[in-house]
Amino acid sequence: MKLRVGIVGYRGYGGAELVRILSRHPRVEPVLLEHREDGVGGPSIRGAVPLPHAPCTPESAQKEQLTAVLLATPAEVSMDLAAAMLGAGVRVVDLSGAYRLRTRERYQAWYKEDHTQPALLAEAAYGLPEFCRERIPAARLVANPGCYPTAANLAIRPLLEAGVVDRSAGIVCDAKSGVSGAGRKPSLKTSFCEVTENFSAYSVLRHRHVPEVLLTSGLEEHEFSFTAQLIPIDRGILETIYFRAPGVGTADDLLAIYEKRYAGEPFVRIYNGGHVPDLHAVARTNFCDIGVVFDAKSGRAVVISAIDNLVKGAAGQAVQNLNLMLGYPETEGLL
């Protein structure tokens, strides 16, 4: 018997990916939940199988017998919806940034807004399974990581754990994303004429995803330089990460660290020495691909990390977390 799981924000890019993935999930029946008063029905795709549809209220969640709800909504919306769903006895995976930071003060510092649910903020489990798997199965509320921190932490943390990074020299993360990362809401910056044949940096030195990288990696802010850049493609994130590894002999030494750390991890793929991933390799998958280039003479290392921002960076990772919460194989519906 399939468990019923609600999808809120299904009209957005991340929500649409949730519909795509869960519609083929062998153990889950998705239910579309409308959180806006002016909402009308589900997606009208010709030939698509209609999905159950209901308003996003605690009463509706109980009536629909939902086991969990996935929130693909803005942080200010998720903040209160998560509390309402938990109050109805429904577990939550939130794809926004509402519950990713641990304290009200840290949230205010980076999001420039007050947090209305500080107790839940402290309770939420951070949902990067490769590093936080032990807390996810029992959690009521899982904060799905941001797309940039997912690619960055999967690349950086194993090397920091192994002690091969010269932290005094800092780490530079040059991150490029497709336009869907900005969401579906129209804006001048993401309009066709602004994006096409263009390439621009944004939120320099103040990007909201930086504290997520710091929390998971253990880096201090002064050790990590991050710049997000918008490229004229629809989806994908490629991060080029620069650091110095003076005690390392060859690229194979770095690759051995990754191979040991990610042995048995189904969604991290390590490339052979000197080979690096591109976005075509990860498009519409839940994989994070990692490649390394190393110069022994100078001790300079470059790691390339690539993900699909809508899958491993959002909906796919949310389903990965959902599987852990429900006791299903982590790969269910994703491979």
Protein backbone atom coordinates (compact mmCIF):
# COMPACT_ATOMS: atom_id res chain seq x y z
CA MET A 1 0.00 0.00 0.00
CA LYS A 2 1.41 3.37 -1.02
CA LEU A 3 1.81 6.15 1.53
CA ARG A 4 0.28 9.52 0.62
CA VAL A 5 2.68 12.46 0.55
CA GLY A 6 1.72 16.08 -0.07
CA ILE A 7 3.56 18.41 -2.44
CA VAL A 8 3.18 22.13 -1.75
CA GLY A 9 4.47 24.64 -4.30
CA TYR A 10 4.11 22.19 -7.18
CA ARG A 11 3.80 25.05 -9.69
CA GLY A 12 7.44 26.08 -9.17
CA TYR A 13 10.50 24.44 -10.71
CA GLY A 14 11.46 22.49 -7.60
CA GLY A 15 7.86 21.48 -6.96
CA ALA A 16 7.44 20.29 -10.55
CA GLU A 17 10.53 18.08 -10.09
CA LEU A 18 8.93 16.63 -6.98
CA VAL A 19 5.84 15.78 -9.01
CA ARG A 20 8.00 14.16 -11.70
CA ILE A 21 9.95 12.03 -9.23
CA LEU A 22 7.15 11.03 -6.88
CA SER A 23 4.78 10.19 -9.74
CA ARG A 24 7.08 7.26 -10.53
CA HIS A 25 7.96 6.40 -6.92
CA PRO A 26 6.86 2.80 -6.28
CA ARG A 27 5.87 3.37 -2.63
CA VAL A 28 4.43 6.89 -2.57
CA GLU A 29 1.25 8.47 -3.88
CA PRO A 30 1.70 12.23 -4.34
CA VAL A 31 -1.11 14.63 -3.43
CA LEU A 32 -0.95 18.21 -4.71
CA LEU A 33 -1.60 20.76 -1.96
CA GLU A 34 -2.53 24.36 -2.80
CA HIS A 35 -1.37 26.88 -0.22
CA ARG A 36 -2.72 29.98 -1.97
CA GLU A 37 -6.30 31.14 -1.76
CA ASP A 38 -6.40 31.87 -5.50
CA GLY A 39 -5.07 28.41 -6.43
CA VAL A 40 -6.95 26.44 -9.06
CA GLY A 41 -6.53 22.71 -9.62
CA GLY A 42 -3.36 20.87 -10.54
CA PRO A 43 -0.98 21.17 -13.50
CA SER A 44 -2.85 20.94 -16.80
CA ILE A 45 -0.42 18.86 -18.84
CA ARG A 46 -2.05 17.22 -21.84
CA GLY A 47 -2.06 13.45 -21.46
CA ALA A 48 -0.82 13.56 -17.85
CA VAL A 49 -2.47 11.41 -15.22
CA PRO A 50 -4.36 13.74 -12.85
CA LEU A 51 -3.11 13.71 -9.27
CA PRO A 52 -5.20 14.12 -6.12
CA HIS A 53 -5.54 17.77 -5.16
CA ALA A 54 -6.44 19.42 -1.84
CA PRO A 55 -6.00 22.69 0.05
CA CYS A 56 -2.93 22.91 2.26
CA THR A 57 -4.53 23.01 5.70
CA PRO A 58 -4.07 20.83 8.80
CA GLU A 59 -7.63 19.57 8.40
CA SER A 60 -7.05 18.63 4.76
CA ALA A 61 -3.74 16.92 5.58
CA GLN A 62 -5.50 14.72 8.12
CA LYS A 63 -8.44 14.05 5.81
CA GLU A 64 -6.08 13.01 2.99
CA GLN A 65 -4.20 10.77 5.45
CA LEU A 66 -0.86 12.29 4.56
CA THR A 67 2.23 10.77 6.10
CA ALA A 68 4.53 13.61 5.09
CA VAL A 69 4.50 16.91 3.24
CA LEU A 70 7.22 18.36 0.99
CA LEU A 71 7.32 22.16 1.00
CA ALA A 72 8.68 23.70 -2.22
CA THR A 73 7.69 27.18 -1.06
CA PRO A 74 9.52 30.42 -0.18
CA ALA A 75 11.09 30.57 3.28
CA GLU A 76 8.50 32.99 4.65
CA VAL A 77 5.72 30.61 3.55
CA SER A 78 7.46 27.42 4.72
CA MET A 79 8.06 28.88 8.16
CA ASP A 80 4.39 28.81 9.10
CA LEU A 81 3.26 25.92 6.87
CA ALA A 82 5.79 23.61 8.50
CA ALA A 83 4.45 24.46 11.94
CA ALA A 84 0.86 23.89 10.80
CA MET A 85 1.63 20.52 9.21
CA LEU A 86 3.61 19.31 12.21
CA GLY A 87 0.71 20.35 14.40
CA ALA A 88 -1.49 18.03 12.32
CA GLY A 89 0.88 15.14 12.97
CA VAL A 90 2.41 15.23 9.48
CA ARG A 91 6.19 15.06 8.98
CA VAL A 92 7.82 17.75 6.84
CA VAL A 93 10.70 18.09 4.39
CA ASP A 94 11.22 21.80 3.66
CA LEU A 95 13.07 22.75 0.48
CA SER A 96 13.38 26.43 1.40
CA GLY A 97 15.98 28.09 3.61
CA ALA A 98 13.54 28.57 6.49
CA TYR A 99 15.01 25.88 8.75
CA ARG A 100 18.57 25.38 7.53
CA LEU A 101 20.32 27.58 10.10
CA ARG A 102 20.29 26.64 13.76
CA THR A 103 19.53 29.87 15.58
CA ARG A 104 17.17 32.80 15.22
CA GLU A 105 20.12 35.18 15.40
CA ARG A 106 21.99 33.48 12.57
CA TYR A 107 18.85 33.43 10.44
CA GLN A 108 18.32 37.16 11.02
CA ALA A 109 21.94 37.93 10.18
CA TRP A 110 21.85 36.19 6.78
CA TYR A 111 18.19 36.44 5.72
CA LYS A 112 17.57 39.93 7.17
CA GLU A 113 14.21 38.77 8.52
CA ASP A 114 12.88 37.56 11.85
CA HIS A 115 12.22 33.85 12.36
CA THR A 116 8.74 33.16 13.70
CA GLN A 117 9.40 29.52 14.71
CA PRO A 118 12.68 29.51 16.67
CA ALA A 119 11.87 26.27 18.51
CA LEU A 120 11.38 24.41 15.21
CA LEU A 121 14.51 26.06 13.82
CA ALA A 122 16.48 24.46 16.64
CA GLU A 123 14.71 21.11 16.19
CA ALA A 124 15.07 20.70 12.42
CA ALA A 125 17.51 18.09 11.12
CA TYR A 126 19.76 19.27 8.29
CA GLY A 127 19.16 16.95 5.36
CA LEU A 128 22.49 16.32 3.66
CA PRO A 129 22.34 12.50 3.92
CA GLU A 130 26.00 11.85 3.17
CA PHE A 131 26.95 13.68 6.40
CA CYS A 132 23.76 13.94 8.46
CA ARG A 133 22.10 10.57 7.87
CA GLU A 134 21.87 9.56 11.53
CA ARG A 135 19.36 12.30 12.47
CA ILE A 136 17.08 12.15 9.43
CA PRO A 137 15.09 8.91 9.95
CA ALA A 138 13.62 10.00 13.30
CA ALA A 139 13.16 13.68 12.45
CA ARG A 140 9.76 15.36 12.30
CA LEU A 141 11.20 18.24 10.27
CA VAL A 142 14.06 18.02 7.77
CA ALA A 143 15.63 21.14 6.28
CA ASN A 144 16.64 20.23 2.73
CA PRO A 145 20.05 21.81 1.94
CA GLY A 146 20.54 24.57 -0.57
CA CYS A 147 21.87 23.66 -3.99
CA TYR A 148 25.18 25.53 -3.72
CA PRO A 149 26.03 24.12 -0.25
CA THR A 150 25.21 20.59 -1.41
CA ALA A 151 27.80 20.74 -4.19
CA ALA A 152 30.31 22.61 -2.02
CA ASN A 153 30.14 20.47 1.10
CA LEU A 154 30.26 17.17 -0.76
CA ALA A 155 33.48 18.41 -2.36
CA ILE A 156 35.10 20.16 0.61
CA ARG A 157 34.27 18.30 3.80
CA PRO A 158 36.07 14.98 3.12
CA LEU A 159 39.31 16.88 2.47
CA LEU A 160 38.92 18.96 5.64
CA GLU A 161 38.21 15.81 7.64
CA ALA A 162 41.41 14.29 6.23
CA GLY A 163 43.41 17.39 7.17
CA VAL A 164 44.95 17.92 3.73
CA VAL A 165 43.73 21.49 3.14
CA ASP A 166 45.91 24.46 4.09
CA ARG A 167 43.13 26.41 5.83
CA SER A 168 45.41 29.42 6.40
CA ALA A 169 45.51 29.91 2.60
CA GLY A 170 41.70 29.76 2.40
CA ILE A 171 39.32 28.01 0.04
CA VAL A 172 37.83 29.76 -2.98
CA CYS A 173 34.55 28.47 -4.40
CA ASP A 174 33.58 29.82 -7.81
CA ALA A 175 29.98 28.63 -8.32
CA LYS A 176 27.87 28.86 -11.46
CA SER A 177 24.16 28.10 -11.68
CA GLY A 178 21.41 27.86 -14.24
CA VAL A 179 18.50 30.29 -14.09
CA SER A 180 15.99 27.86 -12.54
CA GLY A 181 17.89 28.26 -9.27
CA ALA A 182 16.27 31.68 -8.90
CA GLY A 183 12.79 30.14 -8.93
CA ARG A 184 9.86 30.63 -11.27
CA LYS A 185 8.66 34.02 -10.04
CA PRO A 186 9.28 36.57 -12.84
CA SER A 187 11.98 39.19 -12.29
CA LEU A 188 14.01 41.54 -14.46
CA LYS A 189 17.31 39.86 -13.52
CA THR A 190 16.13 36.44 -14.74
CA SER A 191 14.24 37.60 -17.81
CA PHE A 192 15.36 36.30 -21.21
CA CYS A 193 16.96 39.53 -22.42
CA GLU A 194 18.97 39.95 -19.23
CA VAL A 195 20.22 36.36 -19.06
CA THR A 196 20.81 35.25 -22.63
CA GLU A 197 24.39 35.77 -23.89
CA ASN A 198 25.27 37.11 -20.45
CA PHE A 199 27.20 35.98 -17.37
CA SER A 200 26.93 37.77 -14.03
CA ALA A 201 27.88 37.46 -10.37
CA TYR A 202 25.38 38.16 -7.61
CA SER A 203 25.13 38.41 -3.81
CA VAL A 204 28.91 38.73 -3.64
CA LEU A 205 30.20 38.18 -0.06
CA ARG A 206 26.63 37.99 1.28
CA HIS A 207 25.04 34.94 -0.29
CA ARG A 208 22.54 33.19 2.01
CA HIS A 209 24.02 29.79 1.31
CA VAL A 210 27.42 30.63 2.80
CA PRO A 211 26.45 29.83 6.42
CA GLU A 212 25.25 26.38 5.35
CA VAL A 213 28.69 25.60 3.94
CA LEU A 214 30.31 26.84 7.14
CA LEU A 215 28.00 24.85 9.44
CA THR A 216 28.50 21.56 7.62
CA SER A 217 32.17 21.87 6.70
CA GLY A 218 33.37 23.40 9.96
CA LEU A 219 35.10 26.25 8.15
CA GLU A 220 35.23 29.77 9.56
CA GLU A 221 33.87 32.58 7.41
CA HIS A 222 37.31 34.15 6.90
CA GLU A 223 38.57 30.83 5.48
CA PHE A 224 35.96 30.56 2.74
CA SER A 225 35.38 32.83 -0.27
CA PHE A 226 32.25 32.12 -2.27
CA THR A 227 30.88 33.79 -5.39
CA ALA A 228 27.64 32.74 -7.09
CA GLN A 229 27.27 33.41 -10.81
CA LEU A 230 24.32 33.14 -13.16
CA ILE A 231 24.87 31.45 -16.51
CA PRO A 232 22.39 31.35 -19.43
CA ILE A 233 21.21 27.74 -19.08
CA ASP A 234 18.05 26.40 -17.49
CA ARG A 235 19.51 24.04 -14.85
CA GLY A 236 22.70 22.77 -13.29
CA ILE A 237 25.41 23.90 -10.88
CA LEU A 238 29.14 23.61 -11.45
CA GLU A 239 31.51 24.70 -8.70
CA THR A 240 35.24 25.17 -9.18
CA ILE A 241 36.94 25.00 -5.80
CA TYR A 242 40.54 26.17 -5.31
CA PHE A 243 42.80 25.47 -2.32
CA ARG A 244 46.33 24.44 -1.38
CA ALA A 245 47.22 20.95 -0.21
CA PRO A 246 50.95 21.14 0.58
CA GLY A 247 51.27 17.69 2.15
CA VAL A 248 49.69 15.84 -0.79
CA GLY A 249 51.82 14.02 -3.35
CA THR A 250 49.46 13.36 -6.26
CA ALA A 251 45.87 13.75 -7.38
CA ASP A 252 45.41 10.07 -6.56
CA ASP A 253 46.00 10.89 -2.88
CA LEU A 254 43.04 13.27 -2.95
CA LEU A 255 40.91 10.82 -4.92
CA ALA A 256 41.66 8.10 -2.37
CA ILE A 257 40.19 10.33 0.34
CA TYR A 258 36.99 10.76 -1.64
CA GLU A 259 36.78 7.08 -2.53
CA LYS A 260 37.12 6.04 1.10
CA ARG A 261 34.65 8.63 2.38
CA TYR A 262 32.00 7.93 -0.27
CA ALA A 263 32.34 4.16 -0.49
CA GLY A 264 28.79 2.85 -0.62
CA GLU A 265 27.24 6.28 -1.19
CA PRO A 266 24.82 5.83 -4.11
CA PHE A 267 24.70 9.43 -5.29
CA VAL A 268 28.33 10.57 -5.30
CA ARG A 269 30.50 9.68 -8.31
CA ILE A 270 34.27 10.24 -8.31
CA TYR A 271 36.11 10.78 -11.60
CA ASN A 272 39.54 9.37 -12.44
CA GLY A 273 42.52 11.67 -11.90
CA GLY A 274 42.72 14.59 -14.33
CA HIS A 275 39.12 14.13 -15.47
CA VAL A 276 36.39 16.52 -14.34
CA PRO A 277 32.60 16.49 -14.64
CA ASP A 278 30.33 18.74 -16.66
CA LEU A 279 26.63 19.57 -16.36
CA HIS A 280 25.44 17.18 -19.05
CA ALA A 281 26.63 14.28 -16.90
CA VAL A 282 24.35 15.17 -13.97
CA ALA A 283 21.33 16.74 -15.69
CA ARG A 284 18.03 15.35 -14.31
CA THR A 285 19.84 13.00 -11.94
CA ASN A 286 20.42 12.95 -8.19
CA PHE A 287 24.17 12.51 -8.59
CA CYS A 288 26.96 14.77 -7.43
CA ASP A 289 30.00 14.27 -9.66
CA ILE A 290 33.46 15.22 -8.37
CA GLY A 291 36.76 15.52 -10.24
CA VAL A 292 40.25 16.60 -9.09
CA VAL A 293 43.24 18.26 -10.72
CA PHE A 294 46.44 18.69 -8.68
CA ASP A 295 49.82 20.34 -9.23
CA ALA A 296 52.39 18.73 -6.93
CA LYS A 297 55.06 21.38 -7.49
CA SER A 298 52.96 24.25 -6.13
CA GLY A 299 50.55 22.26 -3.97
CA ARG A 300 47.60 23.81 -5.79
CA ALA A 301 44.46 21.71 -6.03
CA VAL A 302 41.26 22.27 -7.99
CA VAL A 303 38.11 20.26 -7.35
CA ILE A 304 35.12 20.41 -9.69
CA SER A 305 31.72 19.52 -8.23
CA ALA A 306 28.63 19.27 -10.43
CA ILE A 307 24.95 18.69 -9.62
CA ASP A 308 21.53 19.35 -11.09
CA ASN A 309 20.26 22.20 -8.90
CA LEU A 310 16.65 20.98 -9.22
CA VAL A 311 17.40 17.35 -8.34
CA LYS A 312 20.35 16.73 -5.98
CA GLY A 313 20.15 20.44 -5.19
CA ALA A 314 16.43 20.35 -4.37
CA ALA A 315 13.71 17.80 -5.21
CA GLY A 316 15.86 14.68 -5.60
CA GLN A 317 17.60 15.25 -2.29
CA ALA A 318 14.21 15.93 -0.69
CA VAL A 319 13.01 12.51 -1.88
CA GLN A 320 16.28 10.99 -0.64
CA ASN A 321 15.46 12.46 2.79
CA LEU A 322 11.84 11.34 2.54
CA ASN A 323 12.96 7.78 1.85
CA LEU A 324 15.13 7.85 4.97
CA MET A 325 12.26 9.22 7.06
CA LEU A 326 9.86 6.53 5.84
CA GLY A 327 12.32 3.66 6.17
CA TYR A 328 12.59 3.04 2.43
CA PRO A 329 15.80 2.35 0.49
CA GLU A 330 17.48 5.70 -0.02
CA THR A 331 17.54 5.28 -3.79
CA GLU A 332 13.81 4.51 -4.14
CA GLY A 333 12.34 6.49 -7.03
CA LEU A 334 15.70 8.10 -7.81
CA LEU A 335 17.60 5.42 -9.73
